[in-house]
Each structure stands twice: as structure tokens, then as C-alpha cells.
């Protein structure tokens, strides 16, 4: 029998059938709410949007939590073993949870929604071609595959609510399309010569690929990697030579290396400022606009465009973004 901790790569380009991933779970009856656990806030948000009142979602990782380094607690283990299903990103994002999910997947549904993105649409690591950039939520056109995977999994577990899940998923996918169109419009206003995105770690590759930005992360895909002195010096030289004027910190990553770049450039008489704080591996505070995937992405688009010389409509996408924090 196929283990269910991952989606089968061969099925990635087909309608996502999760029968083999869910056979060990008991479908919920019409009057029951599914109890599910999500690792990251991005996955949890989609589950709430698609699941609605029929699904109770527990998210493990809150604002500012780095999924690359996260280790499960005893309460996490208890919640996941009692859940009807566990949803995670996969693609080695939650690196410290991999072995746990290997074992858990032998007894209940454990679904890696990021791996629903077809392999040909993933970005491969230059040094390790068989490994992929896990930050697929940074591009709405790729994140839609995760949304569809979540919809299909919920339908398999609770067929009596299939219509409601499908309706909410369709509505949410339309929101993704609208946000993607907005992002293209706003980001195209950034001058071509300033479309360089320098961040704390390499989490914006899909964003850059989708919207035509060169992306330079101080650390690699994982924050578990270290940025050596040679890497810092190389990026300082690049900032100076190309006269890059802004770089970005991330809410879930220490700003130490970013500020080292600012200081290094200043030592060479080049001023580079911190253009703002971006959400990469975690969303904003619960209950806030940025605490939703839509709001997080809107914030990033607006922050990047403003810092790099583009134009942003007042309030951002849908006029709901009321603040863009200026960092010292």
C-alpha cells in the first residue's frame, strides 16, 4: 500500500486523487466536523478558507515561526495523532518533522500539499537538482495546486460536504487570480534596473520567477544553512557595483545578516537601506489582514514595489492594506 506522507509525483499533473492517501482514515459523517492539523500558517489559512464550518483547523506554527527549524512539541504530537488528517507543505520545508511524518503517515492521512505542484513547475536547487525550492506559496499560479490538493483531500474525507468544499475552493482560486493580476500590474511599475530583491534567505525564487525579479538570498532555501563571510562580502560587492539601494528583512528570520550588508556597503561609501519587512515562511498576527495568505502576499507586493521605485494604489490590493511599516 502507498504510504500517504507524500503526494505521488506521477499524479501531480492529473486531477488530484487522494484515495490511496486517505484509505486509512474514516470519512466524516454529515454532522461531524473534520479535525485537521496544519504545520504552517499558509497551509492552515487555505484549509480554513476551503473547509469553512465543516473543518476545525489547528495550526502548529504561528507568526514569526521558522518552519525550517521547527520541532514538534508533546502537545503537537498529541494533536496530530488525534487528527483526522495532517497537512504540511513538504518539499523539505519542515525538515525537522520529516522522520516523524514518515512514521505518522503509516497510520493516518499526512498530506504534503506543496508537492502537488508539478515537478516541471518547481525550481530545482542548482547544487542538488533532485531537491526543490519549497516556497511554492510565493507564486499564486503555483499555490493554486496546493489549494486544489486541499480541496480534493477534504472531499475524500467528507464526501457529504463535497459541494461546499468545491464552491469555497472555486471562490478562493478566483481571489488568487485577481491578486496575481494585481501583482503583475503593480510590480511592472518597478523600473527594470531596480528589479533586484535581496532578502535574508532564498525564499522568493518563485516570486522572482513569476514577476521578473532577480532574487538574491543571503542564506539558501533553508535558514538552517549558514551565510559565510565570503557570501556576505560577495553580496556587499554586488550591492556597491550595481548601486542597489534597498534590501529586505523577513519576519521569521534574524535580520543580523541583512544589517551586516548595510554596514558593509556603508564602509564602501554606498548607502543601502532596509526597504521593509517581508513575510516569507510565516504570515502576520492572527486576526490581521497580513495573517491571511491573501493579506501576506498583498503586503509583500506593496512593500517591494514601494521600496524599489514602483507605484502602489492606496491601501494595496482590495484597499484593505492600511499600513506599510517603515523600519528604522
C-alpha atoms as a PDB file:
ATOM      1  CA  UNK A   1       0.000   0.000   0.000  1.00  0.00           C
ATOM      2  CA  UNK A   2       1.208   3.510  -0.782  1.00  0.00           C
ATOM      3  CA  UNK A   3       2.257   5.500   2.226  1.00  0.00           C
ATOM      4  CA  UNK A   4       0.437   8.805   2.498  1.00  0.00           C
ATOM      5  CA  UNK A   5       3.041  11.221   3.780  1.00  0.00           C
ATOM      6  CA  UNK A   6       3.570  12.475   0.227  1.00  0.00           C
ATOM      7  CA  UNK A   7       1.602  13.025  -2.957  1.00  0.00           C
ATOM      8  CA  UNK A   8       2.680  10.749  -5.781  1.00  0.00           C
ATOM      9  CA  UNK A   9       4.758  12.794  -8.278  1.00  0.00           C
ATOM     10  CA  UNK A  10       3.261  10.932 -11.242  1.00  0.00           C
ATOM     11  CA  UNK A  11      -0.185  12.222 -10.318  1.00  0.00           C
ATOM     12  CA  UNK A  12       0.888  15.844  -9.992  1.00  0.00           C
ATOM     13  CA  UNK A  13      -0.239  16.799 -13.475  1.00  0.00           C
ATOM     14  CA  UNK A  14      -3.541  14.918 -13.271  1.00  0.00           C
ATOM     15  CA  UNK A  15      -6.730  15.633 -11.288  1.00  0.00           C
ATOM     16  CA  UNK A  16      -5.526  15.108  -7.746  1.00  0.00           C
ATOM     17  CA  UNK A  17      -6.934  11.816  -6.492  1.00  0.00           C
ATOM     18  CA  UNK A  18      -6.023  11.098  -2.910  1.00  0.00           C
ATOM     19  CA  UNK A  19      -7.906   7.838  -2.469  1.00  0.00           C
ATOM     20  CA  UNK A  20      -4.727   5.911  -1.745  1.00  0.00           C
ATOM     21  CA  UNK A  21      -3.638   8.607   0.701  1.00  0.00           C
ATOM     22  CA  UNK A  22      -6.869   8.527   2.642  1.00  0.00           C
ATOM     23  CA  UNK A  23      -8.000   4.931   2.784  1.00  0.00           C
ATOM     24  CA  UNK A  24      -6.808   4.561   6.351  1.00  0.00           C
ATOM     25  CA  UNK A  25      -8.957   7.422   7.557  1.00  0.00           C
ATOM     26  CA  UNK A  26     -12.650   7.132   8.228  1.00  0.00           C
ATOM     27  CA  UNK A  27     -14.778   9.597   6.225  1.00  0.00           C
ATOM     28  CA  UNK A  28     -16.629  12.066   8.399  1.00  0.00           C
ATOM     29  CA  UNK A  29     -20.379  11.744   8.611  1.00  0.00           C
ATOM     30  CA  UNK A  30     -22.630  14.616   7.558  1.00  0.00           C
ATOM     31  CA  UNK A  31     -22.917  16.022  11.074  1.00  0.00           C
ATOM     32  CA  UNK A  32     -19.251  15.833  12.072  1.00  0.00           C
ATOM     33  CA  UNK A  33     -16.545  18.449  11.714  1.00  0.00           C
ATOM     34  CA  UNK A  34     -13.235  17.229  10.411  1.00  0.00           C
ATOM     35  CA  UNK A  35     -10.398  17.749  12.862  1.00  0.00           C
ATOM     36  CA  UNK A  36      -7.219  18.603  10.948  1.00  0.00           C
ATOM     37  CA  UNK A  37      -3.758  19.904  11.798  1.00  0.00           C
ATOM     38  CA  UNK A  38      -1.632  22.118   9.541  1.00  0.00           C
ATOM     39  CA  UNK A  39       2.059  22.803  10.006  1.00  0.00           C
ATOM     40  CA  UNK A  40       2.490  26.297   8.527  1.00  0.00           C
ATOM     41  CA  UNK A  41       0.144  29.244   8.780  1.00  0.00           C
ATOM     42  CA  UNK A  42      -0.119  29.378   4.971  1.00  0.00           C
ATOM     43  CA  UNK A  43      -1.464  25.832   4.778  1.00  0.00           C
ATOM     44  CA  UNK A  44      -3.755  26.418   7.763  1.00  0.00           C
ATOM     45  CA  UNK A  45      -5.224  29.520   6.130  1.00  0.00           C
ATOM     46  CA  UNK A  46      -6.170  27.652   2.945  1.00  0.00           C
ATOM     47  CA  UNK A  47      -7.726  24.859   4.999  1.00  0.00           C
ATOM     48  CA  UNK A  48      -9.912  27.385   6.819  1.00  0.00           C
ATOM     49  CA  UNK A  49     -10.897  29.109   3.582  1.00  0.00           C
ATOM     50  CA  UNK A  50     -11.836  25.886   1.785  1.00  0.00           C
ATOM     51  CA  UNK A  51     -13.057  23.908   4.780  1.00  0.00           C
ATOM     52  CA  UNK A  52     -15.322  26.561   6.262  1.00  0.00           C
ATOM     53  CA  UNK A  53     -17.537  25.487   9.154  1.00  0.00           C
ATOM     54  CA  UNK A  54     -17.147  21.831   8.253  1.00  0.00           C
ATOM     55  CA  UNK A  55     -13.465  21.756   9.263  1.00  0.00           C
ATOM     56  CA  UNK A  56     -11.736  22.653  12.520  1.00  0.00           C
ATOM     57  CA  UNK A  57      -8.118  23.591  11.887  1.00  0.00           C
ATOM     58  CA  UNK A  58      -5.242  23.652  14.341  1.00  0.00           C
ATOM     59  CA  UNK A  59      -2.115  25.399  13.063  1.00  0.00           C
ATOM     60  CA  UNK A  60       1.196  24.479  14.653  1.00  0.00           C
ATOM     61  CA  UNK A  61       3.343  27.431  13.601  1.00  0.00           C
ATOM     62  CA  UNK A  62       2.301  30.981  14.366  1.00  0.00           C
ATOM     63  CA  UNK A  63       3.654  34.407  13.352  1.00  0.00           C
ATOM     64  CA  UNK A  64       7.424  34.655  13.179  1.00  0.00           C
ATOM     65  CA  UNK A  65       7.994  30.893  13.453  1.00  0.00           C
ATOM     66  CA  UNK A  66      10.620  29.424  11.117  1.00  0.00           C
ATOM     67  CA  UNK A  67       9.365  26.102   9.658  1.00  0.00           C
ATOM     68  CA  UNK A  68      12.884  25.077   8.605  1.00  0.00           C
ATOM     69  CA  UNK A  69      13.929  24.825  12.262  1.00  0.00           C
ATOM     70  CA  UNK A  70      10.617  23.917  13.926  1.00  0.00           C
ATOM     71  CA  UNK A  71      10.496  20.808  16.117  1.00  0.00           C
ATOM     72  CA  UNK A  72       7.250  19.262  17.318  1.00  0.00           C
ATOM     73  CA  UNK A  73       6.247  19.568  20.962  1.00  0.00           C
ATOM     74  CA  UNK A  74       4.414  16.956  23.001  1.00  0.00           C
ATOM     75  CA  UNK A  75       1.141  18.823  22.509  1.00  0.00           C
ATOM     76  CA  UNK A  76       1.798  18.919  18.760  1.00  0.00           C
ATOM     77  CA  UNK A  77       2.306  15.169  18.681  1.00  0.00           C
ATOM     78  CA  UNK A  78      -0.899  14.600  20.640  1.00  0.00           C
ATOM     79  CA  UNK A  79      -2.876  16.871  18.310  1.00  0.00           C
ATOM     80  CA  UNK A  80      -1.515  15.259  15.152  1.00  0.00           C
ATOM     81  CA  UNK A  81      -2.074  11.692  16.284  1.00  0.00           C
ATOM     82  CA  UNK A  82      -5.710  12.508  17.191  1.00  0.00           C
ATOM     83  CA  UNK A  83      -6.443  14.437  13.983  1.00  0.00           C
ATOM     84  CA  UNK A  84      -8.400  13.112  11.032  1.00  0.00           C
ATOM     85  CA  UNK A  85      -5.535  14.306   8.817  1.00  0.00           C
ATOM     86  CA  UNK A  86      -2.327  16.317   8.946  1.00  0.00           C
ATOM     87  CA  UNK A  87      -1.458  18.777   6.179  1.00  0.00           C
ATOM     88  CA  UNK A  88       2.061  20.056   5.599  1.00  0.00           C
ATOM     89  CA  UNK A  89       3.947  21.831   2.839  1.00  0.00           C
ATOM     90  CA  UNK A  90       6.582  19.203   2.148  1.00  0.00           C
ATOM     91  CA  UNK A  91       9.492  19.644  -0.299  1.00  0.00           C
ATOM     92  CA  UNK A  92      11.711  19.507   2.785  1.00  0.00           C
ATOM     93  CA  UNK A  93      10.365  22.778   4.217  1.00  0.00           C
ATOM     94  CA  UNK A  94       9.555  21.246   7.611  1.00  0.00           C
ATOM     95  CA  UNK A  95      12.915  19.485   7.691  1.00  0.00           C
ATOM     96  CA  UNK A  96      12.847  18.620  11.399  1.00  0.00           C
ATOM     97  CA  UNK A  97       9.455  16.903  11.058  1.00  0.00           C
ATOM     98  CA  UNK A  98      10.296  14.634   8.127  1.00  0.00           C
ATOM     99  CA  UNK A  99      11.051  11.469  10.117  1.00  0.00           C
ATOM    100  CA  UNK A 100       8.009  11.987  12.353  1.00  0.00           C
ATOM    101  CA  UNK A 101       5.717  12.284   9.323  1.00  0.00           C
ATOM    102  CA  UNK A 102       7.288   9.151   7.827  1.00  0.00           C
ATOM    103  CA  UNK A 103       6.054   7.210  10.844  1.00  0.00           C
ATOM    104  CA  UNK A 104       2.735   9.021  11.241  1.00  0.00           C
ATOM    105  CA  UNK A 105       1.907   8.521   7.569  1.00  0.00           C
ATOM    106  CA  UNK A 106       1.762   4.771   8.091  1.00  0.00           C
ATOM    107  CA  UNK A 107      -1.337   5.099  10.272  1.00  0.00           C
ATOM    108  CA  UNK A 108      -3.276   8.173   9.117  1.00  0.00           C
ATOM    109  CA  UNK A 109      -3.519  10.719   6.277  1.00  0.00           C
ATOM    110  CA  UNK A 110      -0.484  13.026   6.122  1.00  0.00           C
ATOM    111  CA  UNK A 111      -0.674  15.194   3.005  1.00  0.00           C
ATOM    112  CA  UNK A 112       2.183  17.268   1.565  1.00  0.00           C
ATOM    113  CA  UNK A 113       0.240  19.927  -0.342  1.00  0.00           C
ATOM    114  CA  UNK A 114       3.293  21.712  -1.755  1.00  0.00           C
ATOM    115  CA  UNK A 115       4.193  18.547  -3.593  1.00  0.00           C
ATOM    116  CA  UNK A 116       1.006  18.871  -5.632  1.00  0.00           C
ATOM    117  CA  UNK A 117       2.895  21.470  -7.687  1.00  0.00           C
ATOM    118  CA  UNK A 118       4.033  19.598 -10.829  1.00  0.00           C
ATOM    119  CA  UNK A 119       7.748  18.863 -10.852  1.00  0.00           C
ATOM    120  CA  UNK A 120       8.209  20.837 -14.068  1.00  0.00           C
ATOM    121  CA  UNK A 121       6.824  23.942 -12.314  1.00  0.00           C
ATOM    122  CA  UNK A 122       9.205  23.637  -9.356  1.00  0.00           C
ATOM    123  CA  UNK A 123      12.549  25.391  -9.053  1.00  0.00           C
ATOM    124  CA  UNK A 124      15.425  22.973  -8.595  1.00  0.00           C
ATOM    125  CA  UNK A 125      18.416  23.591  -6.365  1.00  0.00           C
ATOM    126  CA  UNK A 126      21.458  24.417  -8.520  1.00  0.00           C
ATOM    127  CA  UNK A 127      23.732  22.243  -6.375  1.00  0.00           C
ATOM    128  CA  UNK A 128      21.214  19.456  -5.770  1.00  0.00           C
ATOM    129  CA  UNK A 129      18.951  19.082  -8.856  1.00  0.00           C
ATOM    130  CA  UNK A 130      16.826  16.403  -7.186  1.00  0.00           C
ATOM    131  CA  UNK A 131      15.800  18.866  -4.471  1.00  0.00           C
ATOM    132  CA  UNK A 132      13.335  21.696  -4.971  1.00  0.00           C
ATOM    133  CA  UNK A 133      12.668  25.133  -3.566  1.00  0.00           C
ATOM    134  CA  UNK A 134       9.831  24.535  -1.066  1.00  0.00           C
ATOM    135  CA  UNK A 135       8.474  28.132  -1.036  1.00  0.00           C
ATOM    136  CA  UNK A 136       5.740  27.459  -3.602  1.00  0.00           C
ATOM    137  CA  UNK A 137       3.233  29.780  -1.872  1.00  0.00           C
ATOM    138  CA  UNK A 138       5.246  32.746  -3.176  1.00  0.00           C
ATOM    139  CA  UNK A 139       3.535  32.460  -6.575  1.00  0.00           C
ATOM    140  CA  UNK A 140      -0.289  32.358  -6.785  1.00  0.00           C
ATOM    141  CA  UNK A 141      -0.201  30.402 -10.054  1.00  0.00           C
ATOM    142  CA  UNK A 142       1.709  27.611  -8.316  1.00  0.00           C
ATOM    143  CA  UNK A 143      -0.067  27.874  -4.949  1.00  0.00           C
ATOM    144  CA  UNK A 144      -3.324  27.044  -6.688  1.00  0.00           C
ATOM    145  CA  UNK A 145      -2.154  23.425  -6.926  1.00  0.00           C
ATOM    146  CA  UNK A 146      -1.939  23.295  -3.130  1.00  0.00           C
ATOM    147  CA  UNK A 147      -5.444  24.749  -2.861  1.00  0.00           C
ATOM    148  CA  UNK A 148      -6.766  22.057  -5.193  1.00  0.00           C
ATOM    149  CA  UNK A 149      -4.924  19.356  -3.253  1.00  0.00           C
ATOM    150  CA  UNK A 150      -6.531  20.540  -0.022  1.00  0.00           C
ATOM    151  CA  UNK A 151      -9.967  20.654  -1.647  1.00  0.00           C
ATOM    152  CA  UNK A 152      -9.620  17.114  -3.003  1.00  0.00           C
ATOM    153  CA  UNK A 153      -8.382  15.743   0.315  1.00  0.00           C
ATOM    154  CA  UNK A 154     -11.301  17.272   2.222  1.00  0.00           C
ATOM    155  CA  UNK A 155     -13.760  15.901  -0.314  1.00  0.00           C
ATOM    156  CA  UNK A 156     -12.298  12.405   0.123  1.00  0.00           C
ATOM    157  CA  UNK A 157     -12.615  12.631   3.891  1.00  0.00           C
ATOM    158  CA  UNK A 158     -16.077  14.190   3.962  1.00  0.00           C
ATOM    159  CA  UNK A 159     -17.930  13.438   0.704  1.00  0.00           C
ATOM    160  CA  UNK A 160     -21.209  14.796   2.057  1.00  0.00           C
ATOM    161  CA  UNK A 161     -19.673  18.302   2.047  1.00  0.00           C
ATOM    162  CA  UNK A 162     -18.052  17.990  -1.384  1.00  0.00           C
ATOM    163  CA  UNK A 163     -20.232  20.705  -2.911  1.00  0.00           C
ATOM    164  CA  UNK A 164     -19.409  23.214  -0.170  1.00  0.00           C
ATOM    165  CA  UNK A 165     -15.691  22.494  -0.381  1.00  0.00           C
ATOM    166  CA  UNK A 166     -15.711  22.859  -4.160  1.00  0.00           C
ATOM    167  CA  UNK A 167     -17.665  26.117  -4.028  1.00  0.00           C
ATOM    168  CA  UNK A 168     -15.348  27.703  -1.482  1.00  0.00           C
ATOM    169  CA  UNK A 169     -12.256  26.483  -3.319  1.00  0.00           C
ATOM    170  CA  UNK A 170     -13.528  27.992  -6.579  1.00  0.00           C
ATOM    171  CA  UNK A 171     -14.146  31.324  -4.867  1.00  0.00           C
ATOM    172  CA  UNK A 172     -10.715  31.284  -3.284  1.00  0.00           C
ATOM    173  CA  UNK A 173      -8.997  30.394  -6.554  1.00  0.00           C
ATOM    174  CA  UNK A 174     -10.673  33.403  -8.166  1.00  0.00           C
ATOM    175  CA  UNK A 175      -9.207  35.562  -5.379  1.00  0.00           C
ATOM    176  CA  UNK A 176      -5.778  34.139  -6.181  1.00  0.00           C
ATOM    177  CA  UNK A 177      -6.223  35.002  -9.854  1.00  0.00           C
ATOM    178  CA  UNK A 178      -7.268  38.557  -9.002  1.00  0.00           C
ATOM    179  CA  UNK A 179      -4.321  39.024  -6.652  1.00  0.00           C
ATOM    180  CA  UNK A 180      -1.924  37.631  -9.260  1.00  0.00           C
ATOM    181  CA  UNK A 181      -3.223  40.108 -11.847  1.00  0.00           C
ATOM    182  CA  UNK A 182      -2.865  42.963  -9.327  1.00  0.00           C
ATOM    183  CA  UNK A 183       0.687  41.887  -8.508  1.00  0.00           C
ATOM    184  CA  UNK A 184       1.677  41.869 -12.179  1.00  0.00           C
ATOM    185  CA  UNK A 185       0.246  45.352 -12.643  1.00  0.00           C
ATOM    186  CA  UNK A 186       1.947  46.841  -9.589  1.00  0.00           C
ATOM    187  CA  UNK A 187       5.296  45.121  -9.980  1.00  0.00           C
ATOM    188  CA  UNK A 188       5.555  46.083 -13.639  1.00  0.00           C
ATOM    189  CA  UNK A 189       5.686  49.687 -12.420  1.00  0.00           C
ATOM    190  CA  UNK A 190       9.066  48.974 -10.798  1.00  0.00           C
ATOM    191  CA  UNK A 191      11.885  50.174 -13.096  1.00  0.00           C
ATOM    192  CA  UNK A 192      13.626  47.231 -14.739  1.00  0.00           C
ATOM    193  CA  UNK A 193      17.043  48.260 -13.441  1.00  0.00           C
ATOM    194  CA  UNK A 194      15.853  48.095  -9.812  1.00  0.00           C
ATOM    195  CA  UNK A 195      14.079  44.738 -10.006  1.00  0.00           C
ATOM    196  CA  UNK A 196      16.570  43.080  -7.677  1.00  0.00           C
ATOM    197  CA  UNK A 197      15.214  41.521  -4.497  1.00  0.00           C
ATOM    198  CA  UNK A 198      17.836  40.988  -1.774  1.00  0.00           C
ATOM    199  CA  UNK A 199      16.468  39.119   1.244  1.00  0.00           C
ATOM    200  CA  UNK A 200      17.616  37.281   4.368  1.00  0.00           C
ATOM    201  CA  UNK A 201      17.216  33.835   2.806  1.00  0.00           C
ATOM    202  CA  UNK A 202      16.316  32.445  -0.593  1.00  0.00           C
ATOM    203  CA  UNK A 203      12.545  32.291  -0.096  1.00  0.00           C
ATOM    204  CA  UNK A 204      11.441  34.466  -3.038  1.00  0.00           C
ATOM    205  CA  UNK A 205      12.612  32.435  -6.017  1.00  0.00           C
ATOM    206  CA  UNK A 206       9.090  31.616  -7.196  1.00  0.00           C
ATOM    207  CA  UNK A 207       8.101  35.249  -6.686  1.00  0.00           C
ATOM    208  CA  UNK A 208      11.013  36.399  -8.821  1.00  0.00           C
ATOM    209  CA  UNK A 209      10.293  33.798 -11.480  1.00  0.00           C
ATOM    210  CA  UNK A 210       6.639  34.835 -11.674  1.00  0.00           C
ATOM    211  CA  UNK A 211       7.158  38.605 -11.775  1.00  0.00           C
ATOM    212  CA  UNK A 212      10.540  39.107 -13.403  1.00  0.00           C
ATOM    213  CA  UNK A 213      12.759  39.941 -10.416  1.00  0.00           C
ATOM    214  CA  UNK A 214      16.302  38.826  -9.766  1.00  0.00           C
ATOM    215  CA  UNK A 215      16.362  37.312  -6.285  1.00  0.00           C
ATOM    216  CA  UNK A 216      19.439  37.161  -4.056  1.00  0.00           C
ATOM    217  CA  UNK A 217      19.126  35.436  -0.690  1.00  0.00           C
ATOM    218  CA  UNK A 218      21.910  35.746   1.869  1.00  0.00           C
ATOM    219  CA  UNK A 219      21.182  32.215   3.067  1.00  0.00           C
ATOM    220  CA  UNK A 220      19.955  29.359   0.888  1.00  0.00           C
ATOM    221  CA  UNK A 221      16.488  27.798   0.700  1.00  0.00           C
ATOM    222  CA  UNK A 222      16.770  26.739   4.335  1.00  0.00           C
ATOM    223  CA  UNK A 223      17.604  29.034   7.238  1.00  0.00           C
ATOM    224  CA  UNK A 224      19.447  26.056   8.689  1.00  0.00           C
ATOM    225  CA  UNK A 225      22.288  26.934   6.318  1.00  0.00           C
ATOM    226  CA  UNK A 226      24.894  29.459   7.386  1.00  0.00           C
ATOM    227  CA  UNK A 227      25.908  32.554   5.439  1.00  0.00           C
ATOM    228  CA  UNK A 228      29.690  32.639   5.497  1.00  0.00           C
ATOM    229  CA  UNK A 229      31.893  35.704   5.399  1.00  0.00           C
ATOM    230  CA  UNK A 230      32.645  35.105   1.728  1.00  0.00           C
ATOM    231  CA  UNK A 231      28.932  35.216   0.892  1.00  0.00           C
ATOM    232  CA  UNK A 232      28.463  38.469   2.825  1.00  0.00           C
ATOM    233  CA  UNK A 233      31.467  40.083   1.131  1.00  0.00           C
ATOM    234  CA  UNK A 234      30.299  38.928  -2.296  1.00  0.00           C
ATOM    235  CA  UNK A 235      26.849  40.452  -1.786  1.00  0.00           C
ATOM    236  CA  UNK A 236      28.313  43.698  -0.444  1.00  0.00           C
ATOM    237  CA  UNK A 237      30.412  43.982  -3.605  1.00  0.00           C
ATOM    238  CA  UNK A 238      27.324  43.336  -5.724  1.00  0.00           C
ATOM    239  CA  UNK A 239      25.300  45.996  -3.873  1.00  0.00           C
ATOM    240  CA  UNK A 240      28.055  48.543  -4.462  1.00  0.00           C
ATOM    241  CA  UNK A 241      28.847  47.663  -8.073  1.00  0.00           C
ATOM    242  CA  UNK A 242      25.215  47.598  -9.188  1.00  0.00           C
ATOM    243  CA  UNK A 243      24.177  50.507  -6.975  1.00  0.00           C
ATOM    244  CA  UNK A 244      21.347  48.551  -5.371  1.00  0.00           C
ATOM    245  CA  UNK A 245      19.616  50.866  -2.916  1.00  0.00           C
ATOM    246  CA  UNK A 246      17.292  48.630  -0.886  1.00  0.00           C
ATOM    247  CA  UNK A 247      17.130  45.196   0.662  1.00  0.00           C
ATOM    248  CA  UNK A 248      14.616  43.435   2.889  1.00  0.00           C
ATOM    249  CA  UNK A 249      14.349  41.717   6.253  1.00  0.00           C
ATOM    250  CA  UNK A 250      11.925  38.865   6.941  1.00  0.00           C
ATOM    251  CA  UNK A 251       9.585  38.386   9.889  1.00  0.00           C
ATOM    252  CA  UNK A 252      10.687  34.794  10.545  1.00  0.00           C
ATOM    253  CA  UNK A 253      14.447  35.238  10.044  1.00  0.00           C
ATOM    254  CA  UNK A 254      17.025  37.165  12.072  1.00  0.00           C
ATOM    255  CA  UNK A 255      17.979  40.498  10.500  1.00  0.00           C
ATOM    256  CA  UNK A 256      21.630  40.102  11.549  1.00  0.00           C
ATOM    257  CA  UNK A 257      22.948  39.241   8.076  1.00  0.00           C
ATOM    258  CA  UNK A 258      20.842  41.902   6.373  1.00  0.00           C
ATOM    259  CA  UNK A 259      22.218  44.596   8.637  1.00  0.00           C
ATOM    260  CA  UNK A 260      25.742  43.263   8.015  1.00  0.00           C
ATOM    261  CA  UNK A 261      25.182  44.014   4.322  1.00  0.00           C
ATOM    262  CA  UNK A 262      24.011  47.543   5.119  1.00  0.00           C
ATOM    263  CA  UNK A 263      27.086  48.172   7.256  1.00  0.00           C
ATOM    264  CA  UNK A 264      29.434  46.583   4.721  1.00  0.00           C
ATOM    265  CA  UNK A 265      28.074  48.741   1.910  1.00  0.00           C
ATOM    266  CA  UNK A 266      28.347  51.858   4.095  1.00  0.00           C
ATOM    267  CA  UNK A 267      32.015  51.052   4.711  1.00  0.00           C
ATOM    268  CA  UNK A 268      32.470  51.308   0.942  1.00  0.00           C
ATOM    269  CA  UNK A 269      30.596  54.629   0.781  1.00  0.00           C
ATOM    270  CA  UNK A 270      27.442  53.110  -0.660  1.00  0.00           C
ATOM    271  CA  UNK A 271      24.149  53.721   1.111  1.00  0.00           C
ATOM    272  CA  UNK A 272      21.652  50.893   1.043  1.00  0.00           C
ATOM    273  CA  UNK A 273      18.538  50.977   3.180  1.00  0.00           C
ATOM    274  CA  UNK A 274      16.199  48.358   4.531  1.00  0.00           C
ATOM    275  CA  UNK A 275      13.208  48.629   2.237  1.00  0.00           C
ATOM    276  CA  UNK A 276      10.802  46.934   4.606  1.00  0.00           C
ATOM    277  CA  UNK A 277       9.843  43.733   6.348  1.00  0.00           C
ATOM    278  CA  UNK A 278       8.506  40.868   4.254  1.00  0.00           C
ATOM    279  CA  UNK A 279       6.557  37.765   5.191  1.00  0.00           C
ATOM    280  CA  UNK A 280       8.333  34.687   3.904  1.00  0.00           C
ATOM    281  CA  UNK A 281       7.932  31.476   5.920  1.00  0.00           C
ATOM    282  CA  UNK A 282       5.214  32.746   8.251  1.00  0.00           C
ATOM    283  CA  UNK A 283       2.259  35.109   7.991  1.00  0.00           C
ATOM    284  CA  UNK A 284       1.263  38.057  10.166  1.00  0.00           C
ATOM    285  CA  UNK A 285      -0.573  38.101  13.515  1.00  0.00           C
ATOM    286  CA  UNK A 286      -3.746  36.054  13.761  1.00  0.00           C
ATOM    287  CA  UNK A 287      -6.808  38.181  13.065  1.00  0.00           C
ATOM    288  CA  UNK A 288      -4.903  40.743  10.987  1.00  0.00           C
ATOM    289  CA  UNK A 289      -5.080  41.157   7.219  1.00  0.00           C
ATOM    290  CA  UNK A 290      -1.460  40.034   6.948  1.00  0.00           C
ATOM    291  CA  UNK A 291      -2.466  36.988   8.987  1.00  0.00           C
ATOM    292  CA  UNK A 292      -4.113  35.612   5.831  1.00  0.00           C
ATOM    293  CA  UNK A 293      -2.286  34.344   2.763  1.00  0.00           C
ATOM    294  CA  UNK A 294      -4.014  36.984   0.616  1.00  0.00           C
ATOM    295  CA  UNK A 295      -3.000  39.762   3.002  1.00  0.00           C
ATOM    296  CA  UNK A 296       0.544  38.464   3.413  1.00  0.00           C
ATOM    297  CA  UNK A 297       1.093  38.373  -0.329  1.00  0.00           C
ATOM    298  CA  UNK A 298      -0.528  41.776  -0.822  1.00  0.00           C
ATOM    299  CA  UNK A 299       1.748  43.240   1.830  1.00  0.00           C
ATOM    300  CA  UNK A 300       4.851  41.787   0.183  1.00  0.00           C
ATOM    301  CA  UNK A 301       3.904  43.044  -3.271  1.00  0.00           C
ATOM    302  CA  UNK A 302       3.189  46.536  -1.981  1.00  0.00           C
ATOM    303  CA  UNK A 303       6.296  46.696   0.207  1.00  0.00           C
ATOM    304  CA  UNK A 304       8.589  45.525  -2.587  1.00  0.00           C
ATOM    305  CA  UNK A 305       7.083  47.870  -5.166  1.00  0.00           C
ATOM    306  CA  UNK A 306       7.301  50.928  -2.902  1.00  0.00           C
ATOM    307  CA  UNK A 307      10.893  50.218  -1.834  1.00  0.00           C
ATOM    308  CA  UNK A 308      12.138  49.632  -5.375  1.00  0.00           C
ATOM    309  CA  UNK A 309      10.512  52.634  -7.034  1.00  0.00           C
ATOM    310  CA  UNK A 310       7.160  51.310  -8.200  1.00  0.00           C
ATOM    311  CA  UNK A 311       3.651  52.671  -7.712  1.00  0.00           C
ATOM    312  CA  UNK A 312       1.035  51.161  -5.409  1.00  0.00           C
ATOM    313  CA  UNK A 313      -2.646  52.144  -5.192  1.00  0.00           C
ATOM    314  CA  UNK A 314      -3.598  53.488  -1.790  1.00  0.00           C
ATOM    315  CA  UNK A 315      -4.457  50.611   0.528  1.00  0.00           C
ATOM    316  CA  UNK A 316      -2.967  47.896  -1.664  1.00  0.00           C
ATOM    317  CA  UNK A 317      -4.969  45.064  -3.194  1.00  0.00           C
ATOM    318  CA  UNK A 318      -8.694  45.482  -2.492  1.00  0.00           C
ATOM    319  CA  UNK A 319      -7.882  48.594  -0.479  1.00  0.00           C
ATOM    320  CA  UNK A 320      -7.507  46.568   2.714  1.00  0.00           C
ATOM    321  CA  UNK A 321      -3.827  47.078   3.470  1.00  0.00           C
ATOM    322  CA  UNK A 322      -3.808  50.033   5.827  1.00  0.00           C
ATOM    323  CA  UNK A 323      -0.194  50.155   6.903  1.00  0.00           C
ATOM    324  CA  UNK A 324       3.259  49.663   5.475  1.00  0.00           C
ATOM    325  CA  UNK A 325       5.699  49.834   8.361  1.00  0.00           C
ATOM    326  CA  UNK A 326       8.831  51.897   7.953  1.00  0.00           C
ATOM    327  CA  UNK A 327      11.700  50.127   9.670  1.00  0.00           C
ATOM    328  CA  UNK A 328      14.475  52.114  11.352  1.00  0.00           C
END
